[in-house]
Amino acid sequence: MKPTTEEMLRSFKVTLETVIIPDLQSPWPQASAHSMTRLIDHLLARIEKEDALVMSDNEKMRALLTSAGQPPSETGTDADVQGGHLCTDLLKSENERLRLHIEKLLSEGDEAIVAKIRALLRSQTEAEWVLIEPLFAPAG
């Protein structure tokens, strides 16, 4: 489909930066518009990197569950494709299902498993920084 979501977001950002922001007269609208460009950068990063991050996250959660003796049932996998592309909805659905299993393990309170879950959470936070960083990067 043309234009793509990415192309539209890039166009919105260029319009904000080259037409709207230079014409704004007071600090509040200028700051608001700059914040909008940061959010667009965040969305562009998500378009580019989200599927790979979710696939990696799913893989790590499956490994943790398997190491805890509770391998997840296969109701969907990262290999599912639609039209030659990964189906983001399937990836996210699998991610949510795995998270529910992890939450159940956490509630059981086994210290060794809790330590693995904490390590997983640190890993997830570090991996997702590529989506968060554009919000705080210097204006360019």
C-alpha atoms as a PDB file:
ATOM      1  CA  MET A   1       0.000   0.000   0.000  1.00  0.00           C
ATOM      2  CA  LYS A   2       1.363   3.397  -0.962  1.00  0.00           C
ATOM      3  CA  PRO A   3       2.285   5.512   0.787  1.00  0.00           C
ATOM      4  CA  THR A   4       3.548   3.181   3.475  1.00  0.00           C
ATOM      5  CA  THR A   5       3.106   3.977   7.152  1.00  0.00           C
ATOM      6  CA  GLU A   6       6.806   4.790   7.360  1.00  0.00           C
ATOM      7  CA  GLU A   7       6.604   7.165   4.375  1.00  0.00           C
ATOM      8  CA  MET A   8       3.613   8.964   5.902  1.00  0.00           C
ATOM      9  CA  LEU A   9       5.339   9.388   9.266  1.00  0.00           C
ATOM     10  CA  ARG A  10       8.492  10.720   7.595  1.00  0.00           C
ATOM     11  CA  SER A  11       6.344  13.181   5.629  1.00  0.00           C
ATOM     12  CA  PHE A  12       4.574  14.337   8.817  1.00  0.00           C
ATOM     13  CA  LYS A  13       7.933  14.890  10.491  1.00  0.00           C
ATOM     14  CA  VAL A  14       9.350  16.886   7.571  1.00  0.00           C
ATOM     15  CA  THR A  15       6.221  19.052   7.489  1.00  0.00           C
ATOM     16  CA  LEU A  16       6.465  19.685  11.219  1.00  0.00           C
ATOM     17  CA  GLU A  17      10.159  20.557  11.036  1.00  0.00           C
ATOM     18  CA  THR A  18      10.151  22.641   7.853  1.00  0.00           C
ATOM     19  CA  VAL A  19       6.712  24.272   7.752  1.00  0.00           C
ATOM     20  CA  ILE A  20       4.984  24.262  11.113  1.00  0.00           C
ATOM     21  CA  ILE A  21       7.729  24.654  13.751  1.00  0.00           C
ATOM     22  CA  PRO A  22       9.521  27.573  12.029  1.00  0.00           C
ATOM     23  CA  ASP A  23       6.221  29.459  11.879  1.00  0.00           C
ATOM     24  CA  LEU A  24       5.267  28.944  15.531  1.00  0.00           C
ATOM     25  CA  GLN A  25       5.764  32.070  17.605  1.00  0.00           C
ATOM     26  CA  SER A  26       5.497  31.035  21.240  1.00  0.00           C
ATOM     27  CA  PRO A  27       7.555  28.522  23.245  1.00  0.00           C
ATOM     28  CA  TRP A  28       4.678  26.206  24.253  1.00  0.00           C
ATOM     29  CA  PRO A  29       3.552  25.335  20.692  1.00  0.00           C
ATOM     30  CA  GLN A  30       7.199  25.035  19.621  1.00  0.00           C
ATOM     31  CA  ALA A  31       7.927  22.588  22.448  1.00  0.00           C
ATOM     32  CA  SER A  32       4.766  20.635  21.687  1.00  0.00           C
ATOM     33  CA  ALA A  33       5.671  20.355  18.015  1.00  0.00           C
ATOM     34  CA  HIS A  34       9.226  19.234  18.859  1.00  0.00           C
ATOM     35  CA  SER A  35       7.728  16.575  21.145  1.00  0.00           C
ATOM     36  CA  MET A  36       5.597  15.412  18.236  1.00  0.00           C
ATOM     37  CA  THR A  37       8.712  14.954  16.098  1.00  0.00           C
ATOM     38  CA  ARG A  38      10.263  12.834  18.872  1.00  0.00           C
ATOM     39  CA  LEU A  39       7.155  10.666  18.987  1.00  0.00           C
ATOM     40  CA  ILE A  40       7.327  10.225  15.226  1.00  0.00           C
ATOM     41  CA  ASP A  41      10.974   9.117  15.608  1.00  0.00           C
ATOM     42  CA  HIS A  42       9.806   6.594  18.209  1.00  0.00           C
ATOM     43  CA  LEU A  43       7.120   5.243  15.863  1.00  0.00           C
ATOM     44  CA  LEU A  44       9.632   4.984  13.014  1.00  0.00           C
ATOM     45  CA  ALA A  45      11.963   2.972  15.264  1.00  0.00           C
ATOM     46  CA  ARG A  46       9.076   0.678  16.178  1.00  0.00           C
ATOM     47  CA  ILE A  47       8.219   0.081  12.520  1.00  0.00           C
ATOM     48  CA  GLU A  48      11.823  -0.845  11.801  1.00  0.00           C
ATOM     49  CA  LYS A  49      12.673  -2.908  14.875  1.00  0.00           C
ATOM     50  CA  GLU A  50       9.585  -4.091  16.733  1.00  0.00           C
ATOM     51  CA  ASP A  51       9.052  -7.464  15.032  1.00  0.00           C
ATOM     52  CA  ALA A  52      12.668  -8.519  15.605  1.00  0.00           C
ATOM     53  CA  LEU A  53      12.479  -7.397  19.247  1.00  0.00           C
ATOM     54  CA  VAL A  54       9.260  -9.327  19.854  1.00  0.00           C
ATOM     55  CA  MET A  55      10.688 -12.433  18.152  1.00  0.00           C
ATOM     56  CA  SER A  56      13.777 -12.275  20.356  1.00  0.00           C
ATOM     57  CA  ASP A  57      11.661 -11.663  23.446  1.00  0.00           C
ATOM     58  CA  ASN A  58       9.457 -14.654  22.608  1.00  0.00           C
ATOM     59  CA  GLU A  59      12.512 -16.854  22.127  1.00  0.00           C
ATOM     60  CA  LYS A  60      13.956 -15.810  25.503  1.00  0.00           C
ATOM     61  CA  MET A  61      10.659 -16.402  27.300  1.00  0.00           C
ATOM     62  CA  ARG A  62      10.239 -19.856  25.688  1.00  0.00           C
ATOM     63  CA  ALA A  63      13.786 -20.733  26.799  1.00  0.00           C
ATOM     64  CA  LEU A  64      13.108 -19.545  30.361  1.00  0.00           C
ATOM     65  CA  LEU A  65       9.856 -21.503  30.556  1.00  0.00           C
ATOM     66  CA  THR A  66      11.558 -24.614  29.171  1.00  0.00           C
ATOM     67  CA  SER A  67      14.431 -24.298  31.673  1.00  0.00           C
ATOM     68  CA  ALA A  68      11.822 -24.027  34.448  1.00  0.00           C
ATOM     69  CA  GLY A  69      10.316 -27.336  33.319  1.00  0.00           C
ATOM     70  CA  GLN A  70       7.229 -25.700  31.823  1.00  0.00           C
ATOM     71  CA  PRO A  71       7.756 -25.596  28.077  1.00  0.00           C
ATOM     72  CA  PRO A  72       5.018 -23.543  26.426  1.00  0.00           C
ATOM     73  CA  SER A  73       2.534 -25.262  24.154  1.00  0.00           C
ATOM     74  CA  GLU A  74       2.841 -24.350  20.503  1.00  0.00           C
ATOM     75  CA  THR A  75      -0.239 -22.320  19.577  1.00  0.00           C
ATOM     76  CA  GLY A  76       1.678 -20.010  17.285  1.00  0.00           C
ATOM     77  CA  THR A  77       5.289 -19.433  16.411  1.00  0.00           C
ATOM     78  CA  ASP A  78       7.507 -16.671  15.145  1.00  0.00           C
ATOM     79  CA  ALA A  79       7.704 -18.567  11.859  1.00  0.00           C
ATOM     80  CA  ASP A  80       4.083 -17.759  11.028  1.00  0.00           C
ATOM     81  CA  VAL A  81       3.976 -15.485   8.024  1.00  0.00           C
ATOM     82  CA  GLN A  82       1.319 -13.664   6.106  1.00  0.00           C
ATOM     83  CA  GLY A  83       2.017 -12.560   2.570  1.00  0.00           C
ATOM     84  CA  GLY A  84       5.726 -13.246   3.020  1.00  0.00           C
ATOM     85  CA  HIS A  85       5.999 -10.985   6.079  1.00  0.00           C
ATOM     86  CA  LEU A  86       5.969 -11.760   9.740  1.00  0.00           C
ATOM     87  CA  CYS A  87       2.529 -11.178  11.144  1.00  0.00           C
ATOM     88  CA  THR A  88       2.979  -8.660  13.945  1.00  0.00           C
ATOM     89  CA  ASP A  89      -0.366  -9.588  15.490  1.00  0.00           C
ATOM     90  CA  LEU A  90       0.683 -13.243  15.752  1.00  0.00           C
ATOM     91  CA  LEU A  91       4.019 -12.281  17.292  1.00  0.00           C
ATOM     92  CA  LYS A  92       2.353 -10.044  19.866  1.00  0.00           C
ATOM     93  CA  SER A  93      -0.309 -12.632  20.656  1.00  0.00           C
ATOM     94  CA  GLU A  94       2.392 -15.222  21.293  1.00  0.00           C
ATOM     95  CA  ASN A  95       4.305 -12.676  23.384  1.00  0.00           C
ATOM     96  CA  GLU A  96       1.282 -12.009  25.586  1.00  0.00           C
ATOM     97  CA  ARG A  97       0.626 -15.740  26.046  1.00  0.00           C
ATOM     98  CA  LEU A  98       4.256 -16.299  27.074  1.00  0.00           C
ATOM     99  CA  ARG A  99       4.145 -13.329  29.467  1.00  0.00           C
ATOM    100  CA  LEU A 100       1.147 -14.858  31.231  1.00  0.00           C
ATOM    101  CA  HIS A 101       3.144 -18.064  31.753  1.00  0.00           C
ATOM    102  CA  ILE A 102       6.079 -16.028  33.104  1.00  0.00           C
ATOM    103  CA  GLU A 103       3.770 -14.147  35.500  1.00  0.00           C
ATOM    104  CA  LYS A 104       2.447 -17.486  36.785  1.00  0.00           C
ATOM    105  CA  LEU A 105       6.003 -18.688  37.400  1.00  0.00           C
ATOM    106  CA  LEU A 106       6.816 -15.439  39.193  1.00  0.00           C
ATOM    107  CA  SER A 107       3.833 -15.841  41.503  1.00  0.00           C
ATOM    108  CA  GLU A 108       5.083 -19.295  42.519  1.00  0.00           C
ATOM    109  CA  GLY A 109       8.108 -17.610  44.124  1.00  0.00           C
ATOM    110  CA  ASP A 110      10.898 -20.118  43.372  1.00  0.00           C
ATOM    111  CA  GLU A 111      14.024 -18.003  44.016  1.00  0.00           C
ATOM    112  CA  ALA A 112      16.077 -19.557  41.195  1.00  0.00           C
ATOM    113  CA  ILE A 113      13.253 -18.933  38.715  1.00  0.00           C
ATOM    114  CA  VAL A 114      12.661 -15.407  40.070  1.00  0.00           C
ATOM    115  CA  ALA A 115      16.357 -14.645  39.480  1.00  0.00           C
ATOM    116  CA  LYS A 116      16.016 -15.855  35.862  1.00  0.00           C
ATOM    117  CA  ILE A 117      12.905 -13.722  35.411  1.00  0.00           C
ATOM    118  CA  ARG A 118      14.741 -10.657  36.745  1.00  0.00           C
ATOM    119  CA  ALA A 119      17.556 -11.312  34.261  1.00  0.00           C
ATOM    120  CA  LEU A 120      14.959 -11.629  31.496  1.00  0.00           C
ATOM    121  CA  LEU A 121      13.382  -8.310  32.492  1.00  0.00           C
ATOM    122  CA  ARG A 122      16.791  -6.575  32.434  1.00  0.00           C
ATOM    123  CA  SER A 123      17.448  -8.057  29.000  1.00  0.00           C
ATOM    124  CA  GLN A 124      14.041  -6.898  27.727  1.00  0.00           C
ATOM    125  CA  THR A 125      14.584  -3.376  29.033  1.00  0.00           C
ATOM    126  CA  GLU A 126      18.023  -3.149  27.422  1.00  0.00           C
ATOM    127  CA  ALA A 127      16.700  -4.489  24.103  1.00  0.00           C
ATOM    128  CA  GLU A 128      13.778  -2.054  24.053  1.00  0.00           C
ATOM    129  CA  TRP A 129      16.066   0.940  24.582  1.00  0.00           C
ATOM    130  CA  VAL A 130      16.355   1.231  20.776  1.00  0.00           C
ATOM    131  CA  LEU A 131      12.660   2.163  20.789  1.00  0.00           C
ATOM    132  CA  ILE A 132      12.909   4.560  23.727  1.00  0.00           C
ATOM    133  CA  GLU A 133      16.167   6.328  22.840  1.00  0.00           C
ATOM    134  CA  PRO A 134      14.705   8.408  19.954  1.00  0.00           C
ATOM    135  CA  LEU A 135      12.440  10.115  22.472  1.00  0.00           C
ATOM    136  CA  PHE A 136      15.434  11.451  24.396  1.00  0.00           C
ATOM    137  CA  ALA A 137      18.040  11.902  21.663  1.00  0.00           C
ATOM    138  CA  PRO A 138      19.263  15.445  21.022  1.00  0.00           C
ATOM    139  CA  ALA A 139      17.264  17.274  18.393  1.00  0.00           C
ATOM    140  CA  GLY A 140      18.833  16.931  15.016  1.00  0.00           C
END
